[in-house]
């Protein structure tokens, strides 16, 4: 705290009529004006920095959408260089790196986004996807759980959580995860197809066929062809009930 002191020279008696409080008030007004001007300048500077970072971010998104992944990374790097705490830029940088199969770098990007904003469900979800690709299923599961804890109706995370659980042979939990997807989005064909796969891996023909039929009804022509070659159905493929469904 700054302490303002008032000095009165004996030769200038007129100053006595003002009193120390008047000098203090005058100094306080000047101080407040200086602080306000500093704050305004800082806000303008921050706005300009944000605008520059946003420009590179949008450029990166455009490159990402055009599948120009290296250019996207360069643009996101520019955005981050200007505004390091730019969680969205770190996330999309990770997405571009994933497309280039630079998975460890992608994980580092997602982790940086999480360090900046721990409650970004997209960062946890995308991290889970990368871990799934690397067959690090237990870690992927933990990431999906974090994404879901933040956004409970994120059905994409529930689906991929089910995939990780299936890979870990935790079939009942996987089925429960797909059921959660269906509760959120009843017409999500992939949830039914993945349920069918999980039941087939357990050699539960009727349940596999029942869920495959639902997926086929939602998207005609797609899942019949997939089921004919998907190795998840190897245990049930020869069964007449399954064959009849695919004809």
Protein backbone atom coordinates (compact mmCIF):
# COMPACT_ATOMS: atom_id res chain seq x y z
CA UNK A 1 0.00 0.00 0.00
CA UNK A 2 1.29 3.46 -0.95
CA UNK A 3 1.19 6.03 1.87
CA UNK A 4 0.76 9.60 0.76
CA UNK A 5 2.41 12.18 3.01
CA UNK A 6 1.61 15.87 3.16
CA UNK A 7 4.35 18.43 3.69
CA UNK A 8 3.59 22.09 4.44
CA UNK A 9 6.34 24.65 4.05
CA UNK A 10 6.24 27.50 6.57
CA UNK A 11 6.57 30.11 3.81
CA UNK A 12 3.38 28.96 2.02
CA UNK A 13 0.62 29.42 4.60
CA UNK A 14 -2.09 29.05 1.95
CA UNK A 15 -1.37 25.33 1.78
CA UNK A 16 -2.63 24.92 5.31
CA UNK A 17 -6.19 25.64 4.21
CA UNK A 18 -6.20 22.64 1.91
CA UNK A 19 -5.23 20.12 4.57
CA UNK A 20 -3.49 16.80 4.13
CA UNK A 21 -6.70 14.98 3.21
CA UNK A 22 -7.14 17.15 0.10
CA UNK A 23 -3.67 16.31 -1.10
CA UNK A 24 -4.30 12.67 -0.41
CA UNK A 25 -7.54 12.77 -2.42
CA UNK A 26 -5.84 14.49 -5.32
CA UNK A 27 -3.04 11.94 -5.36
CA UNK A 28 -5.60 9.12 -5.11
CA UNK A 29 -7.49 10.40 -8.15
CA UNK A 30 -4.29 10.52 -10.18
CA UNK A 31 -3.40 7.03 -9.02
CA UNK A 32 -6.83 5.63 -9.96
CA UNK A 33 -6.64 7.26 -13.40
CA UNK A 34 -3.20 5.72 -13.98
CA UNK A 35 -4.47 2.26 -12.94
CA UNK A 36 -7.53 2.58 -15.20
CA UNK A 37 -5.37 3.59 -18.17
CA UNK A 38 -3.00 0.68 -17.49
CA UNK A 39 -5.92 -1.75 -17.29
CA UNK A 40 -7.39 -0.49 -20.56
CA UNK A 41 -4.04 -0.81 -22.31
CA UNK A 42 -3.62 -4.32 -20.96
CA UNK A 43 -7.09 -5.31 -22.16
CA UNK A 44 -6.38 -3.95 -25.63
CA UNK A 45 -3.08 -5.84 -25.72
CA UNK A 46 -4.73 -9.08 -24.57
CA UNK A 47 -7.50 -8.67 -27.14
CA UNK A 48 -4.96 -8.14 -29.91
CA UNK A 49 -2.99 -11.21 -28.83
CA UNK A 50 -6.14 -13.33 -28.70
CA UNK A 51 -7.17 -12.12 -32.14
CA UNK A 52 -3.81 -13.08 -33.64
CA UNK A 53 -3.89 -16.50 -32.00
CA UNK A 54 -7.48 -17.04 -33.14
CA UNK A 55 -6.48 -16.24 -36.73
CA UNK A 56 -3.86 -18.98 -36.75
CA UNK A 57 -6.26 -21.34 -34.97
CA UNK A 58 -8.93 -20.90 -37.65
CA UNK A 59 -6.29 -21.33 -40.32
CA UNK A 60 -5.23 -24.58 -38.66
CA UNK A 61 -8.83 -25.80 -38.58
CA UNK A 62 -9.17 -25.06 -42.28
CA UNK A 63 -6.02 -27.07 -43.03
CA UNK A 64 -7.26 -29.88 -40.78
CA UNK A 65 -10.57 -30.05 -42.64
CA UNK A 66 -8.65 -30.11 -45.94
CA UNK A 67 -6.47 -32.99 -44.67
CA UNK A 68 -3.37 -30.80 -44.85
CA UNK A 69 -2.21 -32.07 -41.50
CA UNK A 70 1.37 -30.77 -41.48
CA UNK A 71 0.16 -27.30 -42.41
CA UNK A 72 -2.47 -27.56 -39.68
CA UNK A 73 0.17 -28.40 -37.08
CA UNK A 74 2.30 -25.43 -38.19
CA UNK A 75 -0.70 -23.10 -37.84
CA UNK A 76 -1.63 -24.46 -34.42
CA UNK A 77 1.99 -24.06 -33.34
CA UNK A 78 1.79 -20.40 -34.35
CA UNK A 79 -1.40 -19.96 -32.31
CA UNK A 80 0.20 -21.61 -29.30
CA UNK A 81 3.37 -19.53 -29.63
CA UNK A 82 1.21 -16.41 -29.33
CA UNK A 83 -1.17 -17.76 -26.70
CA UNK A 84 0.30 -20.75 -24.91
CA UNK A 85 -2.78 -21.40 -22.76
CA UNK A 86 -4.91 -22.09 -25.85
CA UNK A 87 -6.50 -25.45 -24.99
CA UNK A 88 -8.50 -25.75 -28.23
CA UNK A 89 -5.34 -25.29 -30.31
CA UNK A 90 -3.57 -28.01 -28.34
CA UNK A 91 -6.54 -30.37 -28.87
CA UNK A 92 -6.73 -29.82 -32.62
CA UNK A 93 -2.95 -30.04 -32.88
CA UNK A 94 -3.29 -33.46 -31.27
CA UNK A 95 -5.98 -34.38 -33.81
CA UNK A 96 -3.69 -33.47 -36.72
CA UNK A 97 -0.81 -35.42 -35.19
CA UNK A 98 -3.10 -38.43 -34.76
CA UNK A 99 -3.99 -38.28 -38.45
CA UNK A 100 -0.26 -38.46 -39.21
CA UNK A 101 0.04 -41.44 -36.81
CA UNK A 102 2.37 -39.43 -34.58
CA UNK A 103 0.61 -40.79 -31.56
CA UNK A 104 3.07 -39.97 -28.78
CA UNK A 105 3.16 -36.34 -29.87
CA UNK A 106 -0.62 -36.34 -30.06
CA UNK A 107 -0.85 -37.62 -26.49
CA UNK A 108 1.50 -34.87 -25.36
CA UNK A 109 -0.77 -32.29 -27.02
CA UNK A 110 -3.89 -33.67 -25.36
CA UNK A 111 -2.12 -33.77 -22.00
CA UNK A 112 -1.15 -30.11 -22.41
CA UNK A 113 -4.78 -29.21 -23.16
CA UNK A 114 -5.85 -31.12 -20.05
CA UNK A 115 -3.23 -29.32 -17.94
CA UNK A 116 -4.70 -26.01 -19.11
CA UNK A 117 -8.37 -26.99 -18.85
CA UNK A 118 -8.87 -30.25 -16.92
CA UNK A 119 -12.62 -30.22 -17.63
CA UNK A 120 -12.38 -30.34 -21.42
CA UNK A 121 -14.20 -33.55 -22.33
CA UNK A 122 -12.87 -33.39 -25.93
CA UNK A 123 -9.28 -33.61 -24.71
CA UNK A 124 -9.98 -36.67 -22.56
CA UNK A 125 -12.05 -38.29 -25.32
CA UNK A 126 -9.42 -37.77 -28.02
CA UNK A 127 -6.70 -38.95 -25.68
CA UNK A 128 -8.74 -42.10 -25.11
CA UNK A 129 -9.05 -42.65 -28.85
CA UNK A 130 -5.29 -42.37 -29.33
CA UNK A 131 -4.64 -44.77 -26.46
CA UNK A 132 -7.16 -47.19 -27.97
CA UNK A 133 -5.26 -47.04 -31.26
CA UNK A 134 -2.06 -47.83 -29.37
CA UNK A 135 -3.87 -50.81 -27.75
CA UNK A 136 -3.37 -49.25 -24.34
CA UNK A 137 -6.92 -50.16 -23.44
CA UNK A 138 -6.80 -49.73 -19.69
CA UNK A 139 -5.49 -46.20 -20.04
CA UNK A 140 -8.01 -45.49 -22.80
CA UNK A 141 -10.79 -46.63 -20.49
CA UNK A 142 -9.62 -44.23 -17.80
CA UNK A 143 -9.65 -41.35 -20.29
CA UNK A 144 -13.16 -42.17 -21.50
CA UNK A 145 -14.33 -42.33 -17.89
CA UNK A 146 -12.95 -38.83 -17.33
CA UNK A 147 -14.69 -37.54 -20.47
CA UNK A 148 -17.98 -39.10 -19.35
CA UNK A 149 -17.60 -37.72 -15.82
CA UNK A 150 -17.48 -34.25 -17.40
CA UNK A 151 -20.22 -34.85 -19.99
CA UNK A 152 -22.37 -37.83 -19.11
CA UNK A 153 -24.32 -37.85 -22.38
CA UNK A 154 -21.22 -37.99 -24.61
CA UNK A 155 -22.35 -41.10 -26.41
CA UNK A 156 -19.20 -41.31 -28.56
CA UNK A 157 -17.15 -41.81 -25.39
CA UNK A 158 -19.58 -44.50 -24.19
CA UNK A 159 -19.21 -46.34 -27.52
CA UNK A 160 -15.41 -46.25 -27.50
CA UNK A 161 -15.39 -47.12 -23.82
CA UNK A 162 -17.33 -50.24 -24.79
CA UNK A 163 -14.71 -51.07 -27.41
CA UNK A 164 -11.89 -50.74 -24.87
CA UNK A 165 -13.81 -52.96 -22.43
CA UNK A 166 -14.41 -55.54 -25.15
CA UNK A 167 -10.69 -55.59 -25.94
CA UNK A 168 -10.09 -56.20 -22.24
CA UNK A 169 -12.67 -59.05 -22.40
CA UNK A 170 -14.82 -57.28 -19.86
CA UNK A 171 -17.88 -58.14 -21.91
CA UNK A 172 -20.68 -57.42 -19.46
CA UNK A 173 -19.30 -53.95 -18.78
CA UNK A 174 -18.97 -53.38 -22.53
CA UNK A 175 -22.62 -54.33 -23.06
CA UNK A 176 -23.62 -51.94 -20.26
CA UNK A 177 -21.64 -49.17 -21.99
CA UNK A 178 -23.44 -49.77 -25.29
CA UNK A 179 -26.78 -49.85 -23.49
CA UNK A 180 -25.96 -46.43 -22.09
CA UNK A 181 -25.41 -45.20 -25.66
CA UNK A 182 -28.80 -46.55 -26.67
CA UNK A 183 -30.44 -44.84 -23.71
CA UNK A 184 -28.93 -41.53 -24.83
CA UNK A 185 -29.35 -42.06 -28.58
CA UNK A 186 -31.77 -44.92 -29.36
CA UNK A 187 -31.10 -44.82 -33.11
CA UNK A 188 -27.31 -45.15 -32.83
CA UNK A 189 -26.71 -48.09 -35.18
CA UNK A 190 -23.08 -48.57 -34.14
CA UNK A 191 -24.09 -49.31 -30.56
CA UNK A 192 -26.27 -52.22 -31.72
CA UNK A 193 -23.57 -53.50 -34.05
CA UNK A 194 -20.93 -53.39 -31.32
CA UNK A 195 -23.30 -55.16 -28.94
CA UNK A 196 -23.74 -57.85 -31.59
CA UNK A 197 -19.95 -58.20 -31.86
CA UNK A 198 -19.56 -58.48 -28.10
CA UNK A 199 -22.27 -61.14 -27.85
CA UNK A 200 -20.73 -63.04 -30.77
CA UNK A 201 -17.35 -63.10 -29.01
CA UNK A 202 -19.15 -64.86 -26.15
CA UNK A 203 -20.80 -67.28 -28.62
CA UNK A 204 -24.24 -65.94 -27.74
CA UNK A 205 -25.78 -66.41 -31.16
CA UNK A 206 -29.35 -65.27 -30.51
CA UNK A 207 -28.33 -62.04 -28.81
CA UNK A 208 -25.70 -61.36 -31.47
CA UNK A 209 -28.26 -61.87 -34.24
CA UNK A 210 -30.89 -59.77 -32.47
CA UNK A 211 -28.62 -56.76 -32.16
CA UNK A 212 -27.14 -57.14 -35.61
CA UNK A 213 -30.66 -57.15 -37.01
CA UNK A 214 -31.38 -53.84 -35.26
CA UNK A 215 -28.21 -52.27 -36.69
CA UNK A 216 -29.11 -53.54 -40.16
CA UNK A 217 -32.58 -52.07 -39.89
CA UNK A 218 -31.20 -48.65 -38.97
CA UNK A 219 -28.65 -48.60 -41.81
CA UNK A 220 -29.65 -51.07 -44.53
CA UNK A 221 -26.84 -52.64 -46.54
CA UNK A 222 -23.95 -51.58 -44.33
CA UNK A 223 -23.77 -54.10 -41.53
CA UNK A 224 -24.66 -57.18 -43.57
CA UNK A 225 -21.39 -56.76 -45.45
CA UNK A 226 -19.36 -55.94 -42.35
CA UNK A 227 -20.65 -58.98 -40.46
CA UNK A 228 -19.65 -61.31 -43.29
CA UNK A 229 -15.94 -60.61 -42.74
CA UNK A 230 -15.68 -59.18 -39.20
CA UNK A 231 -13.57 -61.59 -37.16
CA UNK A 232 -15.68 -60.86 -34.07
CA UNK A 233 -18.37 -63.06 -35.61
CA UNK A 234 -16.11 -66.06 -36.27
CA UNK A 235 -17.63 -68.11 -33.45
CA UNK A 236 -21.20 -67.69 -34.70
CA UNK A 237 -20.79 -67.25 -38.45
CA UNK A 238 -21.50 -70.89 -39.28
CA UNK A 239 -24.68 -70.96 -37.20
CA UNK A 240 -27.82 -71.24 -39.36
CA UNK A 241 -29.56 -68.47 -37.41
CA UNK A 242 -26.73 -66.10 -38.21
CA UNK A 243 -26.47 -67.21 -41.84
CA UNK A 244 -30.18 -66.73 -42.30
CA UNK A 245 -29.92 -63.15 -41.08
CA UNK A 246 -27.23 -62.28 -43.64
CA UNK A 247 -29.06 -63.67 -46.68
